[in-house]
Amino acid sequence: MAMGLKIATLLLASCWAACAGAQLRLYTEDYRPLSYMDNGQLTGMVVEVVEALIQRTGQPATIELVPWTRGYQQAQREADTAVFPTVRTALREDKFHWVGPVAAGHTSFYSHQGAGVRVRNLADVEQLGTLAVPKLWYSYEVLKEQGLKTLYGVPTPQHMLKMFKHGRTQLMLANSLVLDEMLASQGMSREQVEWQYALMDNTTYIAFSRQTDGKLIAAWQQALDAMRRDGSLERIHRRWFVHASEAELAEILRER
């Protein structure tokens, strides 16, 4: 057992050394609390994980905060690029190489508290009129694929939130990991909204361009697996999400 572990460690170190020459360009967006700028310093739960992976792999890399559209497109066009945090879906599967998961939550519909709304399926969602969702969100892709007739694409989450806040839409869609921060950006809180219906569970990954060397991808995944085994991934997650459910933690901590 010890000899096998030693060989595996040596192979991993050799792989990291072989990949270390590539200069990675990593893109992220303002998506609190997973990634954001605080007093000129890039921070966030997934940012911490990525920085730990850079250190563990010895990989030369830069992280840049950009609009989601730019990062998402760059990571599909250029070698040695990645965008994070990115929810992995069937529609996105073949567009990237995936390293993760680094976080897990669920995406649900919310109404204003006390609005008397009851939603239990997508047919109910359609009955409530326009549903504004950012065009490049994974949830927009999923709902478009499912043929939701009232789906309305907007440029940013802020557009969606303002429409919801001012009653132009009756529902909003949000990932449980970022719900509190999204609401706070519009001066709202969780107490002002009511959970209605879960669209999907979601797992968040680092999405690398398909042109990126497979050895580099493997080195990053192995480094993340090591963080999972030594408890550092769980410690980072619990520090940022004190009330995380055991099911969400189990999803990112289980061996693959």
C-alpha atoms as a PDB file:
ATOM      1  CA  MET A   1       0.000   0.000   0.000  1.00  0.00           C
ATOM      2  CA  ALA A   2       2.777   2.451   0.963  1.00  0.00           C
ATOM      3  CA  MET A   3       4.804   1.583  -2.173  1.00  0.00           C
ATOM      4  CA  GLY A   4       1.709   2.081  -4.362  1.00  0.00           C
ATOM      5  CA  LEU A   5       1.062   5.482  -2.789  1.00  0.00           C
ATOM      6  CA  LYS A   6       4.719   6.479  -3.315  1.00  0.00           C
ATOM      7  CA  ILE A   7       4.591   5.502  -7.005  1.00  0.00           C
ATOM      8  CA  ALA A   8       1.319   7.381  -7.485  1.00  0.00           C
ATOM      9  CA  THR A   9       2.826  10.462  -5.827  1.00  0.00           C
ATOM     10  CA  LEU A  10       5.883  10.309  -8.072  1.00  0.00           C
ATOM     11  CA  LEU A  11       3.740   9.942 -11.185  1.00  0.00           C
ATOM     12  CA  LEU A  12       1.612  12.887 -10.117  1.00  0.00           C
ATOM     13  CA  ALA A  13       4.684  15.030  -9.469  1.00  0.00           C
ATOM     14  CA  SER A  14       6.066  14.063 -12.884  1.00  0.00           C
ATOM     15  CA  CYS A  15       2.774  15.018 -14.549  1.00  0.00           C
ATOM     16  CA  TRP A  16       2.718  18.378 -12.774  1.00  0.00           C
ATOM     17  CA  ALA A  17       6.292  19.077 -13.858  1.00  0.00           C
ATOM     18  CA  ALA A  18       5.451  18.231 -17.465  1.00  0.00           C
ATOM     19  CA  CYS A  19       2.476  20.605 -17.426  1.00  0.00           C
ATOM     20  CA  ALA A  20       4.082  23.443 -15.513  1.00  0.00           C
ATOM     21  CA  GLY A  21       5.367  25.186 -18.634  1.00  0.00           C
ATOM     22  CA  ALA A  22       1.906  26.248 -19.775  1.00  0.00           C
ATOM     23  CA  GLN A  23       0.740  29.711 -18.687  1.00  0.00           C
ATOM     24  CA  LEU A  24      -2.900  29.379 -17.758  1.00  0.00           C
ATOM     25  CA  ARG A  25      -5.373  32.223 -18.129  1.00  0.00           C
ATOM     26  CA  LEU A  26      -8.219  31.719 -15.688  1.00  0.00           C
ATOM     27  CA  TYR A  27     -11.365  33.820 -15.968  1.00  0.00           C
ATOM     28  CA  THR A  28     -13.983  34.387 -13.296  1.00  0.00           C
ATOM     29  CA  GLU A  29     -16.910  36.750 -12.810  1.00  0.00           C
ATOM     30  CA  ASP A  30     -18.481  38.751 -10.002  1.00  0.00           C
ATOM     31  CA  TYR A  31     -20.583  35.932  -8.565  1.00  0.00           C
ATOM     32  CA  ARG A  32     -20.615  36.397  -4.805  1.00  0.00           C
ATOM     33  CA  PRO A  33     -19.693  34.590  -2.641  1.00  0.00           C
ATOM     34  CA  LEU A  34     -17.999  32.188  -5.057  1.00  0.00           C
ATOM     35  CA  SER A  35     -15.878  34.831  -6.788  1.00  0.00           C
ATOM     36  CA  TYR A  36     -15.700  38.607  -6.441  1.00  0.00           C
ATOM     37  CA  MET A  37     -13.456  41.605  -5.826  1.00  0.00           C
ATOM     38  CA  ASP A  38     -13.178  42.973  -2.274  1.00  0.00           C
ATOM     39  CA  ASN A  39     -11.156  46.177  -1.803  1.00  0.00           C
ATOM     40  CA  GLY A  40      -9.125  45.399  -4.894  1.00  0.00           C
ATOM     41  CA  GLN A  41      -8.481  41.787  -3.822  1.00  0.00           C
ATOM     42  CA  LEU A  42      -9.949  38.844  -5.706  1.00  0.00           C
ATOM     43  CA  THR A  43     -11.627  36.468  -3.239  1.00  0.00           C
ATOM     44  CA  GLY A  44     -14.476  33.980  -2.884  1.00  0.00           C
ATOM     45  CA  MET A  45     -15.012  30.339  -2.037  1.00  0.00           C
ATOM     46  CA  VAL A  46     -14.099  28.954  -5.463  1.00  0.00           C
ATOM     47  CA  VAL A  47     -11.294  31.494  -5.883  1.00  0.00           C
ATOM     48  CA  GLU A  48      -9.711  30.042  -2.723  1.00  0.00           C
ATOM     49  CA  VAL A  49      -9.948  26.539  -4.163  1.00  0.00           C
ATOM     50  CA  VAL A  50      -8.421  27.611  -7.483  1.00  0.00           C
ATOM     51  CA  GLU A  51      -5.572  29.442  -5.754  1.00  0.00           C
ATOM     52  CA  ALA A  52      -4.852  26.309  -3.710  1.00  0.00           C
ATOM     53  CA  LEU A  53      -4.784  24.239  -6.910  1.00  0.00           C
ATOM     54  CA  ILE A  54      -2.352  26.669  -8.560  1.00  0.00           C
ATOM     55  CA  GLN A  55      -0.067  26.321  -5.549  1.00  0.00           C
ATOM     56  CA  ARG A  56      -0.343  22.531  -5.407  1.00  0.00           C
ATOM     57  CA  THR A  57       0.308  22.016  -9.126  1.00  0.00           C
ATOM     58  CA  GLY A  58       2.985  24.679  -9.402  1.00  0.00           C
ATOM     59  CA  GLN A  59       1.114  25.876 -12.464  1.00  0.00           C
ATOM     60  CA  PRO A  60       1.938  29.377 -13.786  1.00  0.00           C
ATOM     61  CA  ALA A  61      -1.471  31.052 -13.947  1.00  0.00           C
ATOM     62  CA  THR A  62      -3.299  34.359 -13.816  1.00  0.00           C
ATOM     63  CA  ILE A  63      -6.862  34.911 -12.618  1.00  0.00           C
ATOM     64  CA  GLU A  64      -8.852  37.763 -14.122  1.00  0.00           C
ATOM     65  CA  LEU A  65     -12.288  39.039 -13.126  1.00  0.00           C
ATOM     66  CA  VAL A  66     -14.260  39.682 -16.338  1.00  0.00           C
ATOM     67  CA  PRO A  67     -17.884  39.777 -17.504  1.00  0.00           C
ATOM     68  CA  TRP A  68     -19.243  36.233 -17.723  1.00  0.00           C
ATOM     69  CA  THR A  69     -19.776  36.458 -21.496  1.00  0.00           C
ATOM     70  CA  ARG A  70     -16.111  37.178 -22.152  1.00  0.00           C
ATOM     71  CA  GLY A  71     -14.745  34.477 -19.876  1.00  0.00           C
ATOM     72  CA  TYR A  72     -17.189  31.861 -21.154  1.00  0.00           C
ATOM     73  CA  GLN A  73     -16.334  32.577 -24.794  1.00  0.00           C
ATOM     74  CA  GLN A  74     -12.568  32.771 -24.260  1.00  0.00           C
ATOM     75  CA  ALA A  75     -12.561  29.396 -22.530  1.00  0.00           C
ATOM     76  CA  GLN A  76     -14.148  27.856 -25.604  1.00  0.00           C
ATOM     77  CA  ARG A  77     -11.756  29.398 -28.122  1.00  0.00           C
ATOM     78  CA  GLU A  78      -8.221  29.371 -26.691  1.00  0.00           C
ATOM     79  CA  ALA A  79      -5.856  26.754 -25.326  1.00  0.00           C
ATOM     80  CA  ASP A  80      -4.718  26.954 -21.698  1.00  0.00           C
ATOM     81  CA  THR A  81      -7.767  28.911 -20.572  1.00  0.00           C
ATOM     82  CA  ALA A  82     -10.528  28.161 -18.085  1.00  0.00           C
ATOM     83  CA  VAL A  83     -13.626  29.834 -16.687  1.00  0.00           C
ATOM     84  CA  PHE A  84     -15.016  29.334 -13.206  1.00  0.00           C
ATOM     85  CA  PRO A  85     -17.270  28.832 -11.354  1.00  0.00           C
ATOM     86  CA  THR A  86     -19.177  27.002 -14.107  1.00  0.00           C
ATOM     87  CA  VAL A  87     -22.213  24.791 -13.568  1.00  0.00           C
ATOM     88  CA  ARG A  88     -21.846  21.518 -15.472  1.00  0.00           C
ATOM     89  CA  THR A  89     -24.861  20.573 -17.565  1.00  0.00           C
ATOM     90  CA  ALA A  90     -25.572  18.125 -20.393  1.00  0.00           C
ATOM     91  CA  LEU A  91     -25.781  21.009 -22.868  1.00  0.00           C
ATOM     92  CA  ARG A  92     -22.306  22.252 -21.891  1.00  0.00           C
ATOM     93  CA  GLU A  93     -20.658  18.845 -21.495  1.00  0.00           C
ATOM     94  CA  ASP A  94     -18.803  18.708 -24.815  1.00  0.00           C
ATOM     95  CA  LYS A  95     -17.718  22.357 -24.786  1.00  0.00           C
ATOM     96  CA  PHE A  96     -15.109  21.995 -22.016  1.00  0.00           C
ATOM     97  CA  HIS A  97     -12.828  19.750 -20.037  1.00  0.00           C
ATOM     98  CA  TRP A  98     -14.102  19.657 -16.447  1.00  0.00           C
ATOM     99  CA  VAL A  99     -12.239  19.762 -13.135  1.00  0.00           C
ATOM    100  CA  GLY A 100     -14.402  19.407 -10.054  1.00  0.00           C
ATOM    101  CA  PRO A 101     -16.835  19.530  -8.545  1.00  0.00           C
ATOM    102  CA  VAL A 102     -15.839  22.418  -6.292  1.00  0.00           C
ATOM    103  CA  ALA A 103     -19.316  23.384  -5.027  1.00  0.00           C
ATOM    104  CA  ALA A 104     -22.856  22.033  -5.102  1.00  0.00           C
ATOM    105  CA  GLY A 105     -26.271  23.592  -4.608  1.00  0.00           C
ATOM    106  CA  HIS A 106     -29.698  23.710  -6.207  1.00  0.00           C
ATOM    107  CA  THR A 107     -31.426  26.114  -8.574  1.00  0.00           C
ATOM    108  CA  SER A 108     -34.963  27.100  -7.630  1.00  0.00           C
ATOM    109  CA  PHE A 109     -37.795  29.495  -8.390  1.00  0.00           C
ATOM    110  CA  TYR A 110     -38.659  32.121  -5.789  1.00  0.00           C
ATOM    111  CA  SER A 111     -41.624  34.473  -5.470  1.00  0.00           C
ATOM    112  CA  HIS A 112     -42.161  37.529  -3.287  1.00  0.00           C
ATOM    113  CA  GLN A 113     -43.079  36.519   0.268  1.00  0.00           C
ATOM    114  CA  GLY A 114     -46.851  36.588   0.763  1.00  0.00           C
ATOM    115  CA  ALA A 115     -47.641  36.931  -2.948  1.00  0.00           C
ATOM    116  CA  GLY A 116     -50.039  33.989  -2.823  1.00  0.00           C
ATOM    117  CA  VAL A 117     -48.160  32.208  -5.599  1.00  0.00           C
ATOM    118  CA  ARG A 118     -47.912  28.428  -5.801  1.00  0.00           C
ATOM    119  CA  VAL A 119     -45.527  26.805  -8.295  1.00  0.00           C
ATOM    120  CA  ARG A 120     -44.972  23.070  -8.510  1.00  0.00           C
ATOM    121  CA  ASN A 121     -43.948  22.550 -12.155  1.00  0.00           C
ATOM    122  CA  LEU A 122     -42.978  24.443 -15.310  1.00  0.00           C
ATOM    123  CA  ALA A 123     -46.589  24.678 -16.433  1.00  0.00           C
ATOM    124  CA  ASP A 124     -47.242  26.761 -13.304  1.00  0.00           C
ATOM    125  CA  VAL A 125     -44.223  28.912 -14.158  1.00  0.00           C
ATOM    126  CA  GLU A 126     -45.691  29.660 -17.600  1.00  0.00           C
ATOM    127  CA  GLN A 127     -49.016  30.666 -16.066  1.00  0.00           C
ATOM    128  CA  LEU A 128     -47.275  33.468 -14.152  1.00  0.00           C
ATOM    129  CA  GLY A 129     -46.078  35.265 -17.273  1.00  0.00           C
ATOM    130  CA  THR A 130     -42.604  36.476 -18.224  1.00  0.00           C
ATOM    131  CA  LEU A 131     -39.643  34.780 -16.557  1.00  0.00           C
ATOM    132  CA  ALA A 132     -36.466  36.875 -16.903  1.00  0.00           C
ATOM    133  CA  VAL A 133     -33.195  34.889 -16.839  1.00  0.00           C
ATOM    134  CA  PRO A 134     -29.676  35.976 -17.919  1.00  0.00           C
ATOM    135  CA  LYS A 135     -29.067  34.621 -21.430  1.00  0.00           C
ATOM    136  CA  LEU A 136     -25.782  32.876 -20.702  1.00  0.00           C
ATOM    137  CA  TRP A 137     -26.841  31.248 -17.461  1.00  0.00           C
ATOM    138  CA  TYR A 138     -27.002  27.453 -17.395  1.00  0.00           C
ATOM    139  CA  SER A 139     -30.622  27.739 -16.232  1.00  0.00           C
ATOM    140  CA  TYR A 140     -31.536  29.775 -19.324  1.00  0.00           C
ATOM    141  CA  GLU A 141     -30.027  27.038 -21.503  1.00  0.00           C
ATOM    142  CA  VAL A 142     -31.947  24.338 -19.623  1.00  0.00           C
ATOM    143  CA  LEU A 143     -35.286  26.172 -19.756  1.00  0.00           C
ATOM    144  CA  LYS A 144     -34.869  27.003 -23.438  1.00  0.00           C
ATOM    145  CA  GLU A 145     -34.145  23.351 -24.171  1.00  0.00           C
ATOM    146  CA  GLN A 146     -37.290  22.388 -22.256  1.00  0.00           C
ATOM    147  CA  GLY A 147     -39.353  24.821 -24.343  1.00  0.00           C
ATOM    148  CA  LEU A 148     -40.528  27.249 -21.650  1.00  0.00           C
ATOM    149  CA  LYS A 149     -42.701  29.665 -23.643  1.00  0.00           C
ATOM    150  CA  THR A 150     -42.461  32.619 -21.243  1.00  0.00           C
ATOM    151  CA  LEU A 151     -38.658  32.624 -21.016  1.00  0.00           C
ATOM    152  CA  TYR A 152     -37.161  36.094 -21.540  1.00  0.00           C
ATOM    153  CA  GLY A 153     -33.409  36.509 -21.868  1.00  0.00           C
ATOM    154  CA  VAL A 154     -31.778  39.483 -20.133  1.00  0.00           C
ATOM    155  CA  PRO A 155     -28.124  40.624 -20.222  1.00  0.00           C
ATOM    156  CA  THR A 156     -27.218  40.303 -16.525  1.00  0.00           C
ATOM    157  CA  PRO A 157     -28.478  39.015 -13.153  1.00  0.00           C
ATOM    158  CA  GLN A 158     -29.009  42.650 -12.126  1.00  0.00           C
ATOM    159  CA  HIS A 159     -31.596  43.079 -14.900  1.00  0.00           C
ATOM    160  CA  MET A 160     -33.431  39.970 -13.668  1.00  0.00           C
ATOM    161  CA  LEU A 161     -33.358  41.106 -10.045  1.00  0.00           C
ATOM    162  CA  LYS A 162     -34.575  44.629 -10.780  1.00  0.00           C
ATOM    163  CA  MET A 163     -37.498  43.299 -12.817  1.00  0.00           C
ATOM    164  CA  PHE A 164     -38.402  40.956  -9.960  1.00  0.00           C
ATOM    165  CA  LYS A 165     -37.974  43.589  -7.249  1.00  0.00           C
ATOM    166  CA  HIS A 166     -40.258  46.061  -9.027  1.00  0.00           C
ATOM    167  CA  GLY A 167     -42.957  43.515  -9.831  1.00  0.00           C
ATOM    168  CA  ARG A 168     -42.355  43.238 -13.568  1.00  0.00           C
ATOM    169  CA  THR A 169     -41.931  39.490 -13.076  1.00  0.00           C
ATOM    170  CA  GLN A 170     -43.517  37.308 -10.409  1.00  0.00           C
ATOM    171  CA  LEU A 171     -40.707  34.785 -10.146  1.00  0.00           C
ATOM    172  CA  MET A 172     -36.951  34.794 -10.090  1.00  0.00           C
ATOM    173  CA  LEU A 173     -34.515  31.932 -10.494  1.00  0.00           C
ATOM    174  CA  ALA A 174     -31.427  31.561  -8.291  1.00  0.00           C
ATOM    175  CA  ASN A 175     -28.682  29.154  -7.277  1.00  0.00           C
ATOM    176  CA  SER A 176     -28.895  28.490  -3.524  1.00  0.00           C
ATOM    177  CA  LEU A 177     -25.163  29.200  -3.173  1.00  0.00           C
ATOM    178  CA  VAL A 178     -25.521  32.823  -4.272  1.00  0.00           C
ATOM    179  CA  LEU A 179     -29.122  33.654  -3.337  1.00  0.00           C
ATOM    180  CA  ASP A 180     -28.318  35.815  -0.304  1.00  0.00           C
ATOM    181  CA  GLU A 181     -25.702  37.887  -2.126  1.00  0.00           C
ATOM    182  CA  MET A 182     -27.928  38.352  -5.167  1.00  0.00           C
ATOM    183  CA  LEU A 183     -30.781  39.655  -3.042  1.00  0.00           C
ATOM    184  CA  ALA A 184     -28.475  41.897  -1.017  1.00  0.00           C
ATOM    185  CA  SER A 185     -27.300  43.586  -4.219  1.00  0.00           C
ATOM    186  CA  GLN A 186     -30.838  44.966  -4.561  1.00  0.00           C
ATOM    187  CA  GLY A 187     -31.344  45.749  -0.889  1.00  0.00           C
ATOM    188  CA  MET A 188     -33.406  42.611  -0.335  1.00  0.00           C
ATOM    189  CA  SER A 189     -33.075  39.607   1.982  1.00  0.00           C
ATOM    190  CA  ARG A 190     -34.073  35.944   2.034  1.00  0.00           C
ATOM    191  CA  GLU A 191     -36.995  36.785   4.350  1.00  0.00           C
ATOM    192  CA  GLN A 192     -38.601  38.758   1.510  1.00  0.00           C
ATOM    193  CA  VAL A 193     -38.813  35.815  -0.870  1.00  0.00           C
ATOM    194  CA  GLU A 194     -40.520  32.441  -0.762  1.00  0.00           C
ATOM    195  CA  TRP A 195     -39.122  29.213  -2.190  1.00  0.00           C
ATOM    196  CA  GLN A 196     -41.454  27.712  -4.764  1.00  0.00           C
ATOM    197  CA  TYR A 197     -39.992  24.972  -6.917  1.00  0.00           C
ATOM    198  CA  ALA A 198     -36.587  23.347  -7.541  1.00  0.00           C
ATOM    199  CA  LEU A 199     -35.592  23.326 -11.181  1.00  0.00           C
ATOM    200  CA  MET A 200     -32.408  21.283 -10.755  1.00  0.00           C
ATOM    201  CA  ASP A 201     -29.527  20.327  -8.519  1.00  0.00           C
ATOM    202  CA  ASN A 202     -26.262  21.803  -9.758  1.00  0.00           C
ATOM    203  CA  THR A 203     -22.579  21.068  -9.380  1.00  0.00           C
ATOM    204  CA  THR A 204     -19.968  23.741 -10.039  1.00  0.00           C
ATOM    205  CA  TYR A 205     -16.683  23.080 -11.809  1.00  0.00           C
ATOM    206  CA  ILE A 206     -13.621  24.729 -13.336  1.00  0.00           C
ATOM    207  CA  ALA A 207     -14.237  24.565 -17.102  1.00  0.00           C
ATOM    208  CA  PHE A 208     -11.083  24.312 -19.253  1.00  0.00           C
ATOM    209  CA  SER A 209     -10.979  24.859 -22.998  1.00  0.00           C
ATOM    210  CA  ARG A 210     -11.034  21.712 -25.122  1.00  0.00           C
ATOM    211  CA  GLN A 211      -7.680  22.778 -26.595  1.00  0.00           C
ATOM    212  CA  THR A 212      -5.948  22.533 -23.201  1.00  0.00           C
ATOM    213  CA  ASP A 213      -3.486  19.649 -22.713  1.00  0.00           C
ATOM    214  CA  GLY A 214      -5.147  16.599 -21.177  1.00  0.00           C
ATOM    215  CA  LYS A 215      -2.153  16.051 -18.873  1.00  0.00           C
ATOM    216  CA  LEU A 216      -2.716  19.472 -17.360  1.00  0.00           C
ATOM    217  CA  ILE A 217      -6.406  18.704 -16.828  1.00  0.00           C
ATOM    218  CA  ALA A 218      -5.510  15.413 -15.137  1.00  0.00           C
ATOM    219  CA  ALA A 219      -2.980  17.147 -12.867  1.00  0.00           C
ATOM    220  CA  TRP A 220      -5.576  19.676 -11.704  1.00  0.00           C
ATOM    221  CA  GLN A 221      -8.179  16.992 -11.057  1.00  0.00           C
ATOM    222  CA  GLN A 222      -5.689  14.913  -9.100  1.00  0.00           C
ATOM    223  CA  ALA A 223      -4.718  17.947  -7.027  1.00  0.00           C
ATOM    224  CA  LEU A 224      -8.393  18.601  -6.275  1.00  0.00           C
ATOM    225  CA  ASP A 225      -8.886  14.956  -5.337  1.00  0.00           C
ATOM    226  CA  ALA A 226      -5.974  15.330  -2.909  1.00  0.00           C
ATOM    227  CA  MET A 227      -7.706  18.374  -1.360  1.00  0.00           C
ATOM    228  CA  ARG A 228     -10.811  16.255  -0.993  1.00  0.00           C
ATOM    229  CA  ARG A 229      -8.900  13.486   0.785  1.00  0.00           C
ATOM    230  CA  ASP A 230      -6.917  15.712   3.148  1.00  0.00           C
ATOM    231  CA  GLY A 231      -9.979  17.705   4.212  1.00  0.00           C
ATOM    232  CA  SER A 232      -8.881  21.093   2.867  1.00  0.00           C
ATOM    233  CA  LEU A 233     -11.741  21.310   0.332  1.00  0.00           C
ATOM    234  CA  GLU A 234     -14.300  20.673   3.070  1.00  0.00           C
ATOM    235  CA  ARG A 235     -12.699  23.252   5.361  1.00  0.00           C
ATOM    236  CA  ILE A 236     -12.848  25.938   2.681  1.00  0.00           C
ATOM    237  CA  HIS A 237     -16.463  25.103   1.863  1.00  0.00           C
ATOM    238  CA  ARG A 238     -17.602  25.110   5.495  1.00  0.00           C
ATOM    239  CA  ARG A 239     -15.905  28.439   6.164  1.00  0.00           C
ATOM    240  CA  TRP A 240     -17.849  30.124   3.363  1.00  0.00           C
ATOM    241  CA  PHE A 241     -21.106  28.186   3.770  1.00  0.00           C
ATOM    242  CA  VAL A 242     -21.620  27.637   7.483  1.00  0.00           C
ATOM    243  CA  HIS A 243     -25.142  26.285   6.955  1.00  0.00           C
ATOM    244  CA  ALA A 244     -24.328  24.022   3.999  1.00  0.00           C
ATOM    245  CA  SER A 245     -26.413  20.856   3.960  1.00  0.00           C
ATOM    246  CA  GLU A 246     -24.742  17.500   4.386  1.00  0.00           C
ATOM    247  CA  ALA A 247     -26.137  16.454   0.992  1.00  0.00           C
ATOM    248  CA  GLU A 248     -24.409  19.380  -0.744  1.00  0.00           C
ATOM    249  CA  LEU A 249     -21.128  18.611   1.014  1.00  0.00           C
ATOM    250  CA  ALA A 250     -21.413  14.921   0.177  1.00  0.00           C
ATOM    251  CA  GLU A 251     -21.754  15.776  -3.501  1.00  0.00           C
ATOM    252  CA  ILE A 252     -18.382  17.555  -3.653  1.00  0.00           C
ATOM    253  CA  LEU A 253     -16.557  15.304  -1.181  1.00  0.00           C
ATOM    254  CA  ARG A 254     -17.403  11.849  -2.541  1.00  0.00           C
ATOM    255  CA  GLU A 255     -14.693   9.969  -4.440  1.00  0.00           C
ATOM    256  CA  ARG A 256     -15.108   9.735  -8.231  1.00  0.00           C
END
